[in-house]
């Protein structure tokens, strides 16, 4: 009968760290590509009204945001204090809405274009005149899916 002996003195080889920088750079590149940064700088003060029954929008890429409110303190010297419309990153007029919608539509695949929603983020203190002008221009541009953004009401018994 043969005896089995333990081999002593042999140690396992060290783990190679030569590929570690490659892995780190691949992860860094992945997160740089996947992360979505804020695409617009808000120049208007918008305090949306509160609501109790809210629904989340499914695909954020299919939503274009139209902000309506008064300019913030730093922009009041340029734009005044009357309510304004902000499309993407710039203060605009109602006449700029069709071009804004078309630019958003061109970026999307043909199959998803019919599901585009315009989300109106309107300040609670703004009169309905400018909101009605925006809605009329959206209707003339054949953008019929409109969403009104609101904040969640904290007190249910108001």
N, C-alpha and C. Protein backbone atom coordinates (compact mmCIF):
# COMPACT_ATOMS: atom_id res chain seq x y z
N UNK A 1 0.83 -1.16 0.00
CA UNK A 1 0.00 0.00 0.00
C UNK A 1 0.88 1.24 0.00
N UNK A 2 0.51 2.22 -0.86
CA UNK A 2 1.32 3.43 -0.97
C UNK A 2 0.86 4.47 0.02
N UNK A 3 1.81 5.24 0.47
CA UNK A 3 1.49 6.31 1.41
C UNK A 3 1.38 7.63 0.64
N UNK A 4 0.38 8.39 1.06
CA UNK A 4 0.23 9.72 0.48
C UNK A 4 0.86 10.71 1.43
N UNK A 5 1.72 11.49 0.90
CA UNK A 5 2.37 12.47 1.76
C UNK A 5 1.93 13.88 1.34
N UNK A 6 1.87 14.77 2.30
CA UNK A 6 1.50 16.16 2.03
C UNK A 6 2.73 16.89 1.53
N UNK A 7 2.50 17.70 0.53
CA UNK A 7 3.61 18.47 -0.01
C UNK A 7 3.70 19.76 0.78
N UNK A 8 4.81 19.90 1.43
CA UNK A 8 5.00 21.11 2.23
C UNK A 8 5.98 22.03 1.52
N UNK A 9 5.85 23.28 1.84
CA UNK A 9 6.78 24.24 1.30
C UNK A 9 6.29 24.89 0.01
N UNK A 10 5.29 24.33 -0.60
CA UNK A 10 4.74 24.95 -1.82
C UNK A 10 3.58 25.86 -1.42
N UNK A 11 3.60 27.08 -1.92
CA UNK A 11 2.51 28.03 -1.63
C UNK A 11 1.79 28.34 -2.94
N UNK A 12 0.58 28.80 -2.81
CA UNK A 12 -0.18 29.13 -4.01
C UNK A 12 0.38 30.41 -4.61
N UNK A 13 0.30 30.55 -5.92
CA UNK A 13 0.86 31.75 -6.56
C UNK A 13 0.03 32.98 -6.22
N UNK A 14 0.64 34.15 -6.25
CA UNK A 14 -0.04 35.41 -5.95
C UNK A 14 -0.99 35.77 -7.09
N UNK A 15 -2.04 36.45 -6.76
CA UNK A 15 -3.02 36.88 -7.76
C UNK A 15 -2.44 38.05 -8.54
N UNK A 16 -2.53 37.95 -9.84
CA UNK A 16 -1.99 39.00 -10.69
C UNK A 16 -2.92 40.21 -10.69
N UNK A 17 -2.37 41.38 -10.48
CA UNK A 17 -3.17 42.62 -10.50
C UNK A 17 -2.89 43.43 -11.76
N UNK A 18 -2.33 42.80 -12.76
CA UNK A 18 -2.01 43.52 -13.99
C UNK A 18 -3.27 43.97 -14.73
N UNK A 19 -4.36 43.23 -14.65
CA UNK A 19 -5.58 43.61 -15.37
C UNK A 19 -6.49 44.52 -14.55
N UNK A 20 -6.14 44.83 -13.33
CA UNK A 20 -6.97 45.66 -12.47
C UNK A 20 -7.20 47.07 -13.04
N UNK A 21 -6.19 47.76 -13.55
CA UNK A 21 -6.47 49.08 -14.15
C UNK A 21 -7.42 49.01 -15.35
N UNK A 22 -7.33 47.94 -16.13
CA UNK A 22 -8.25 47.79 -17.26
C UNK A 22 -9.69 47.67 -16.78
N UNK A 23 -9.90 46.91 -15.74
CA UNK A 23 -11.24 46.72 -15.20
C UNK A 23 -11.78 48.04 -14.64
N UNK A 24 -10.93 48.78 -13.95
CA UNK A 24 -11.35 50.06 -13.37
C UNK A 24 -11.72 51.04 -14.47
N UNK A 25 -10.94 51.11 -15.53
CA UNK A 25 -11.25 52.03 -16.62
C UNK A 25 -12.50 51.60 -17.38
N UNK A 26 -12.74 50.31 -17.51
CA UNK A 26 -13.98 49.86 -18.14
C UNK A 26 -15.19 50.26 -17.31
N UNK A 27 -15.11 50.11 -15.99
CA UNK A 27 -16.22 50.53 -15.12
C UNK A 27 -16.43 52.04 -15.18
N UNK A 28 -15.34 52.79 -15.17
CA UNK A 28 -15.43 54.25 -15.25
C UNK A 28 -16.08 54.66 -16.56
N UNK A 29 -15.67 54.07 -17.66
CA UNK A 29 -16.24 54.37 -18.96
C UNK A 29 -17.73 54.00 -19.00
N UNK A 30 -18.07 52.86 -18.44
CA UNK A 30 -19.46 52.43 -18.41
C UNK A 30 -20.34 53.44 -17.67
N UNK A 31 -19.92 53.87 -16.48
CA UNK A 31 -20.73 54.81 -15.72
C UNK A 31 -20.77 56.18 -16.36
N UNK A 32 -19.71 56.56 -17.06
CA UNK A 32 -19.74 57.84 -17.77
C UNK A 32 -20.76 57.82 -18.91
N UNK A 33 -20.91 56.68 -19.55
CA UNK A 33 -21.85 56.58 -20.67
C UNK A 33 -23.29 56.43 -20.20
N UNK A 34 -23.51 55.78 -19.08
CA UNK A 34 -24.87 55.49 -18.62
C UNK A 34 -25.47 56.65 -17.85
N UNK A 35 -24.67 57.43 -17.16
CA UNK A 35 -25.17 58.51 -16.32
C UNK A 35 -25.75 59.63 -17.17
N UNK A 36 -26.96 60.07 -16.80
CA UNK A 36 -27.61 61.18 -17.50
C UNK A 36 -27.49 62.41 -16.61
N UNK A 37 -26.89 63.43 -17.16
CA UNK A 37 -26.75 64.67 -16.42
C UNK A 37 -27.97 65.55 -16.67
N UNK A 38 -28.19 66.49 -15.82
CA UNK A 38 -29.31 67.40 -15.98
C UNK A 38 -29.12 68.17 -17.27
N UNK A 39 -30.15 68.16 -18.11
CA UNK A 39 -29.99 68.75 -19.43
C UNK A 39 -30.45 70.20 -19.53
N UNK A 40 -31.07 70.73 -18.52
CA UNK A 40 -31.48 72.13 -18.59
C UNK A 40 -31.28 72.80 -17.23
N UNK A 41 -30.89 74.05 -17.30
CA UNK A 41 -30.69 74.86 -16.11
C UNK A 41 -31.95 75.72 -15.94
N UNK A 42 -32.63 75.58 -14.82
CA UNK A 42 -33.89 76.27 -14.61
C UNK A 42 -33.66 77.75 -14.33
N UNK A 43 -34.19 78.60 -15.19
CA UNK A 43 -34.05 80.05 -15.05
C UNK A 43 -35.32 80.69 -14.50
N UNK A 44 -36.35 79.87 -14.30
CA UNK A 44 -37.62 80.36 -13.79
C UNK A 44 -37.88 79.74 -12.42
N UNK A 45 -38.59 80.46 -11.57
CA UNK A 45 -39.00 79.87 -10.30
C UNK A 45 -40.36 79.23 -10.52
N UNK A 46 -40.40 77.92 -10.33
CA UNK A 46 -41.61 77.16 -10.58
C UNK A 46 -41.95 76.37 -9.33
N UNK A 47 -43.02 76.78 -8.64
CA UNK A 47 -43.57 76.03 -7.51
C UNK A 47 -44.85 75.38 -8.01
N UNK A 48 -44.76 74.10 -8.33
CA UNK A 48 -45.92 73.42 -8.89
C UNK A 48 -46.98 73.23 -7.81
N UNK A 49 -48.24 73.24 -8.20
CA UNK A 49 -49.31 73.00 -7.24
C UNK A 49 -49.22 71.59 -6.67
N UNK A 50 -49.91 71.35 -5.57
CA UNK A 50 -49.90 70.04 -4.94
C UNK A 50 -51.15 69.27 -5.33
N UNK A 51 -51.02 67.95 -5.40
CA UNK A 51 -52.14 67.09 -5.77
C UNK A 51 -52.09 65.80 -4.96
N UNK A 52 -53.22 65.11 -4.92
CA UNK A 52 -53.26 63.86 -4.16
C UNK A 52 -53.13 62.63 -5.05
N UNK A 53 -53.65 62.68 -6.25
CA UNK A 53 -53.60 61.52 -7.14
C UNK A 53 -52.61 61.79 -8.26
N UNK A 54 -51.39 61.28 -8.10
CA UNK A 54 -50.33 61.51 -9.06
C UNK A 54 -49.99 60.21 -9.78
N UNK A 55 -49.54 60.35 -11.01
CA UNK A 55 -49.10 59.21 -11.80
C UNK A 55 -47.71 59.52 -12.34
N UNK A 56 -46.79 58.56 -12.22
CA UNK A 56 -45.45 58.75 -12.73
C UNK A 56 -45.43 58.49 -14.23
N UNK A 57 -44.59 59.25 -14.93
CA UNK A 57 -44.41 59.02 -16.36
C UNK A 57 -43.42 57.88 -16.54
N UNK A 58 -43.72 56.98 -17.48
CA UNK A 58 -42.90 55.79 -17.65
C UNK A 58 -41.54 56.07 -18.28
N UNK A 59 -41.53 56.56 -19.48
CA UNK A 59 -40.27 56.79 -20.19
C UNK A 59 -39.97 58.28 -20.20
N UNK A 60 -38.93 58.66 -19.47
CA UNK A 60 -38.57 60.07 -19.40
C UNK A 60 -38.03 60.61 -20.72
N UNK A 61 -37.50 59.73 -21.57
CA UNK A 61 -36.97 60.19 -22.85
C UNK A 61 -38.08 60.63 -23.79
N UNK A 62 -39.31 60.23 -23.53
CA UNK A 62 -40.44 60.61 -24.38
C UNK A 62 -41.16 61.86 -23.88
N UNK A 63 -40.60 62.52 -22.88
CA UNK A 63 -41.23 63.69 -22.27
C UNK A 63 -40.41 64.93 -22.60
N UNK A 64 -41.08 65.97 -23.09
CA UNK A 64 -40.42 67.26 -23.22
C UNK A 64 -41.06 68.22 -22.23
N UNK A 65 -40.23 68.93 -21.50
CA UNK A 65 -40.70 69.78 -20.41
C UNK A 65 -40.80 71.22 -20.88
N UNK A 66 -41.92 71.83 -20.53
CA UNK A 66 -42.16 73.25 -20.80
C UNK A 66 -42.41 73.90 -19.45
N UNK A 67 -41.54 74.82 -19.07
CA UNK A 67 -41.64 75.50 -17.79
C UNK A 67 -42.30 76.85 -17.99
N UNK A 68 -43.23 77.20 -17.10
CA UNK A 68 -43.88 78.51 -17.14
C UNK A 68 -43.81 79.08 -15.73
N UNK A 69 -43.20 80.25 -15.61
CA UNK A 69 -43.08 80.89 -14.31
C UNK A 69 -42.38 82.23 -14.43
N UNK A 70 -42.13 82.83 -13.30
CA UNK A 70 -41.45 84.12 -13.27
C UNK A 70 -39.95 83.88 -13.18
N UNK A 71 -39.14 84.73 -13.84
CA UNK A 71 -37.69 84.56 -13.78
C UNK A 71 -37.15 84.65 -12.35
N UNK A 72 -36.08 83.91 -12.07
CA UNK A 72 -35.45 83.97 -10.75
C UNK A 72 -34.76 85.32 -10.58
N UNK A 73 -34.30 85.59 -9.38
CA UNK A 73 -33.68 86.88 -9.06
C UNK A 73 -32.54 87.24 -10.00
N UNK A 74 -31.69 86.30 -10.31
CA UNK A 74 -30.52 86.61 -11.14
C UNK A 74 -30.87 86.91 -12.59
N UNK A 75 -32.05 86.49 -13.06
CA UNK A 75 -32.45 86.74 -14.44
C UNK A 75 -33.51 87.83 -14.57
N UNK A 76 -33.96 88.41 -13.46
CA UNK A 76 -35.00 89.44 -13.52
C UNK A 76 -34.51 90.71 -14.18
N UNK A 77 -33.23 91.00 -14.09
CA UNK A 77 -32.72 92.21 -14.75
C UNK A 77 -32.79 92.08 -16.27
N UNK A 78 -32.65 90.88 -16.78
CA UNK A 78 -32.67 90.66 -18.23
C UNK A 78 -34.08 90.43 -18.75
N UNK A 79 -34.87 89.59 -18.06
CA UNK A 79 -36.17 89.17 -18.57
C UNK A 79 -37.36 89.83 -17.88
N UNK A 80 -37.15 90.60 -16.83
CA UNK A 80 -38.25 91.25 -16.13
C UNK A 80 -38.90 90.32 -15.12
N UNK A 81 -40.07 90.71 -14.64
CA UNK A 81 -40.75 89.91 -13.61
C UNK A 81 -42.04 89.28 -14.11
N UNK A 82 -42.40 89.50 -15.36
CA UNK A 82 -43.63 88.90 -15.88
C UNK A 82 -43.39 87.43 -16.19
N UNK A 83 -44.45 86.61 -16.19
CA UNK A 83 -44.29 85.18 -16.45
C UNK A 83 -43.69 84.91 -17.83
N UNK A 84 -42.80 83.94 -17.88
CA UNK A 84 -42.11 83.57 -19.11
C UNK A 84 -42.19 82.07 -19.33
N UNK A 85 -41.81 81.66 -20.53
CA UNK A 85 -41.77 80.25 -20.90
C UNK A 85 -40.32 79.85 -21.09
N UNK A 86 -39.95 78.69 -20.55
CA UNK A 86 -38.60 78.17 -20.75
C UNK A 86 -38.70 76.82 -21.46
N UNK A 87 -38.02 76.73 -22.59
CA UNK A 87 -37.93 75.50 -23.36
C UNK A 87 -36.47 75.06 -23.34
N UNK A 88 -36.21 73.87 -22.86
CA UNK A 88 -34.85 73.35 -22.68
C UNK A 88 -34.08 74.28 -21.77
N UNK A 89 -33.10 74.99 -22.32
CA UNK A 89 -32.20 75.78 -21.49
C UNK A 89 -32.35 77.28 -21.71
N UNK A 90 -33.35 77.69 -22.48
CA UNK A 90 -33.45 79.12 -22.78
C UNK A 90 -34.88 79.63 -22.62
N UNK A 91 -34.96 80.89 -22.27
CA UNK A 91 -36.26 81.57 -22.19
C UNK A 91 -36.75 81.79 -23.62
N UNK A 92 -38.00 81.41 -23.89
CA UNK A 92 -38.53 81.46 -25.25
C UNK A 92 -39.90 82.10 -25.27
N UNK A 93 -40.44 82.19 -26.46
CA UNK A 93 -41.80 82.69 -26.62
C UNK A 93 -42.69 81.52 -27.04
N UNK A 94 -43.97 81.78 -27.12
CA UNK A 94 -44.93 80.76 -27.51
C UNK A 94 -44.66 80.32 -28.95
N UNK A 95 -44.18 81.22 -29.79
CA UNK A 95 -43.93 80.89 -31.19
C UNK A 95 -42.77 79.91 -31.38
N UNK A 96 -41.91 79.73 -30.37
CA UNK A 96 -40.78 78.80 -30.46
C UNK A 96 -41.17 77.36 -30.14
N UNK A 97 -42.39 77.13 -29.69
CA UNK A 97 -42.80 75.79 -29.26
C UNK A 97 -42.80 74.78 -30.41
N UNK A 98 -43.33 75.09 -31.61
CA UNK A 98 -43.30 74.08 -32.68
C UNK A 98 -41.89 73.61 -33.04
N UNK A 99 -40.93 74.52 -33.10
CA UNK A 99 -39.55 74.14 -33.40
C UNK A 99 -38.97 73.28 -32.28
N UNK A 100 -39.28 73.63 -31.05
CA UNK A 100 -38.82 72.84 -29.89
C UNK A 100 -39.37 71.42 -29.96
N UNK A 101 -40.64 71.28 -30.28
CA UNK A 101 -41.26 69.96 -30.40
C UNK A 101 -40.64 69.15 -31.53
N UNK A 102 -40.38 69.80 -32.64
CA UNK A 102 -39.80 69.10 -33.79
C UNK A 102 -38.37 68.65 -33.50
N UNK A 103 -37.60 69.47 -32.80
CA UNK A 103 -36.23 69.08 -32.45
C UNK A 103 -36.23 67.87 -31.52
N UNK A 104 -37.18 67.81 -30.61
CA UNK A 104 -37.28 66.66 -29.71
C UNK A 104 -37.74 65.42 -30.47
N UNK A 105 -38.65 65.61 -31.41
CA UNK A 105 -39.20 64.48 -32.17
C UNK A 105 -38.14 63.84 -33.08
N UNK A 106 -37.26 64.65 -33.64
CA UNK A 106 -36.23 64.15 -34.56
C UNK A 106 -35.24 63.23 -33.84
N UNK A 107 -35.01 63.44 -32.57
CA UNK A 107 -34.05 62.65 -31.81
C UNK A 107 -34.55 61.24 -31.52
N UNK A 108 -35.84 61.01 -31.63
CA UNK A 108 -36.43 59.72 -31.26
C UNK A 108 -36.67 58.83 -32.47
N UNK A 109 -36.70 57.52 -32.25
CA UNK A 109 -37.04 56.61 -33.36
C UNK A 109 -38.49 56.82 -33.82
N UNK A 110 -38.74 56.44 -35.04
CA UNK A 110 -40.06 56.65 -35.65
C UNK A 110 -41.19 55.98 -34.86
N UNK A 111 -40.93 54.81 -34.30
CA UNK A 111 -41.97 54.06 -33.59
C UNK A 111 -42.39 54.74 -32.29
N UNK A 112 -41.52 55.50 -31.69
CA UNK A 112 -41.83 56.13 -30.40
C UNK A 112 -42.38 57.54 -30.52
N UNK A 113 -42.38 58.10 -31.69
CA UNK A 113 -42.78 59.51 -31.85
C UNK A 113 -44.23 59.76 -31.49
N UNK A 114 -45.08 58.78 -31.65
CA UNK A 114 -46.50 58.99 -31.33
C UNK A 114 -46.76 58.99 -29.83
N UNK A 115 -45.79 58.55 -29.03
CA UNK A 115 -45.98 58.48 -27.58
C UNK A 115 -45.34 59.65 -26.83
N UNK A 116 -44.92 60.69 -27.53
CA UNK A 116 -44.29 61.85 -26.89
C UNK A 116 -45.34 62.59 -26.07
N UNK A 117 -44.94 62.99 -24.86
CA UNK A 117 -45.81 63.74 -23.96
C UNK A 117 -45.15 65.07 -23.64
N UNK A 118 -45.93 66.13 -23.65
CA UNK A 118 -45.44 67.44 -23.21
C UNK A 118 -45.87 67.64 -21.77
N UNK A 119 -44.91 67.86 -20.90
CA UNK A 119 -45.19 68.06 -19.49
C UNK A 119 -45.08 69.54 -19.17
N UNK A 120 -46.17 70.12 -18.72
CA UNK A 120 -46.19 71.53 -18.35
C UNK A 120 -45.88 71.65 -16.86
N UNK A 121 -44.81 72.33 -16.55
CA UNK A 121 -44.48 72.63 -15.16
C UNK A 121 -44.76 74.11 -14.96
N UNK A 122 -45.91 74.37 -14.39
CA UNK A 122 -46.41 75.73 -14.29
C UNK A 122 -46.40 76.16 -12.83
N UNK A 123 -45.92 77.38 -12.59
CA UNK A 123 -45.93 77.95 -11.25
C UNK A 123 -47.38 78.18 -10.83
N UNK A 124 -47.68 77.96 -9.57
CA UNK A 124 -49.04 78.10 -9.06
C UNK A 124 -49.56 79.53 -9.09
N UNK A 125 -48.68 80.53 -9.13
CA UNK A 125 -49.09 81.93 -9.11
C UNK A 125 -49.25 82.53 -10.50
N UNK A 126 -48.99 81.78 -11.54
CA UNK A 126 -49.08 82.30 -12.91
C UNK A 126 -50.54 82.27 -13.36
N UNK A 127 -50.95 83.31 -14.08
CA UNK A 127 -52.32 83.35 -14.59
C UNK A 127 -52.49 82.35 -15.73
N UNK A 128 -53.71 81.99 -16.00
CA UNK A 128 -53.99 80.97 -17.00
C UNK A 128 -53.86 81.48 -18.44
N UNK A 129 -53.68 82.77 -18.64
CA UNK A 129 -53.57 83.30 -20.00
C UNK A 129 -52.38 82.73 -20.74
N UNK A 130 -51.21 82.74 -20.12
CA UNK A 130 -50.00 82.22 -20.77
C UNK A 130 -50.07 80.70 -20.92
N UNK A 131 -50.72 80.04 -19.95
CA UNK A 131 -50.88 78.59 -20.03
C UNK A 131 -51.81 78.24 -21.19
N UNK A 132 -52.86 79.02 -21.37
CA UNK A 132 -53.79 78.78 -22.49
C UNK A 132 -53.10 79.01 -23.83
N UNK A 133 -52.21 80.01 -23.89
CA UNK A 133 -51.46 80.25 -25.13
C UNK A 133 -50.55 79.07 -25.45
N UNK A 134 -49.91 78.51 -24.43
CA UNK A 134 -49.05 77.35 -24.62
C UNK A 134 -49.87 76.15 -25.09
N UNK A 135 -51.00 75.92 -24.46
CA UNK A 135 -51.86 74.79 -24.85
C UNK A 135 -52.37 74.94 -26.28
N UNK A 136 -52.72 76.15 -26.67
CA UNK A 136 -53.19 76.39 -28.04
C UNK A 136 -52.08 76.10 -29.05
N UNK A 137 -50.87 76.55 -28.74
CA UNK A 137 -49.75 76.32 -29.65
C UNK A 137 -49.41 74.83 -29.72
N UNK A 138 -49.53 74.11 -28.61
CA UNK A 138 -49.30 72.66 -28.61
C UNK A 138 -50.35 71.96 -29.48
N UNK A 139 -51.59 72.39 -29.36
CA UNK A 139 -52.67 71.79 -30.15
C UNK A 139 -52.45 72.04 -31.64
N UNK A 140 -52.03 73.26 -32.00
CA UNK A 140 -51.77 73.57 -33.41
C UNK A 140 -50.56 72.79 -33.94
N UNK A 141 -49.65 72.42 -33.06
CA UNK A 141 -48.47 71.64 -33.46
C UNK A 141 -48.75 70.14 -33.44
N UNK A 142 -50.00 69.77 -33.20
CA UNK A 142 -50.43 68.38 -33.15
C UNK A 142 -49.79 67.61 -31.99
N UNK A 143 -49.49 68.29 -30.92
CA UNK A 143 -49.00 67.64 -29.70
C UNK A 143 -50.19 67.60 -28.74
N UNK A 144 -50.89 66.45 -28.72
CA UNK A 144 -52.14 66.36 -27.98
C UNK A 144 -51.99 65.68 -26.62
N UNK A 145 -50.86 65.05 -26.35
CA UNK A 145 -50.63 64.44 -25.04
C UNK A 145 -49.95 65.46 -24.15
N UNK A 146 -50.71 65.95 -23.16
CA UNK A 146 -50.20 66.97 -22.26
C UNK A 146 -50.34 66.47 -20.83
N UNK A 147 -49.32 66.74 -20.05
CA UNK A 147 -49.28 66.34 -18.65
C UNK A 147 -49.00 67.58 -17.83
N UNK A 148 -49.70 67.73 -16.72
CA UNK A 148 -49.43 68.83 -15.80
C UNK A 148 -48.65 68.28 -14.61
N UNK A 149 -47.46 68.82 -14.37
CA UNK A 149 -46.64 68.36 -13.26
C UNK A 149 -47.16 68.96 -11.96
N UNK A 150 -47.12 68.17 -10.91
CA UNK A 150 -47.57 68.63 -9.60
C UNK A 150 -46.73 67.95 -8.53
N UNK A 151 -46.69 68.56 -7.36
CA UNK A 151 -46.01 67.96 -6.23
C UNK A 151 -46.99 67.16 -5.40
N UNK A 152 -46.47 66.25 -4.61
CA UNK A 152 -47.34 65.41 -3.77
C UNK A 152 -47.82 66.21 -2.57
N UNK A 153 -49.12 66.18 -2.33
CA UNK A 153 -49.70 66.88 -1.19
C UNK A 153 -49.35 66.12 0.07
N UNK A 154 -48.88 66.82 1.08
CA UNK A 154 -48.49 66.17 2.33
C UNK A 154 -49.68 65.95 3.24
N UNK A 155 -50.68 66.85 3.21
CA UNK A 155 -51.84 66.74 4.07
C UNK A 155 -53.04 66.35 3.21
N UNK A 156 -53.65 65.21 3.47
CA UNK A 156 -54.76 64.70 2.67
C UNK A 156 -56.07 65.44 2.93
N UNK A 157 -56.22 66.13 4.06
CA UNK A 157 -57.52 66.71 4.45
C UNK A 157 -57.65 68.17 4.09
N UNK A 158 -56.93 68.67 3.18
CA UNK A 158 -57.03 70.09 2.84
C UNK A 158 -58.32 70.43 2.21
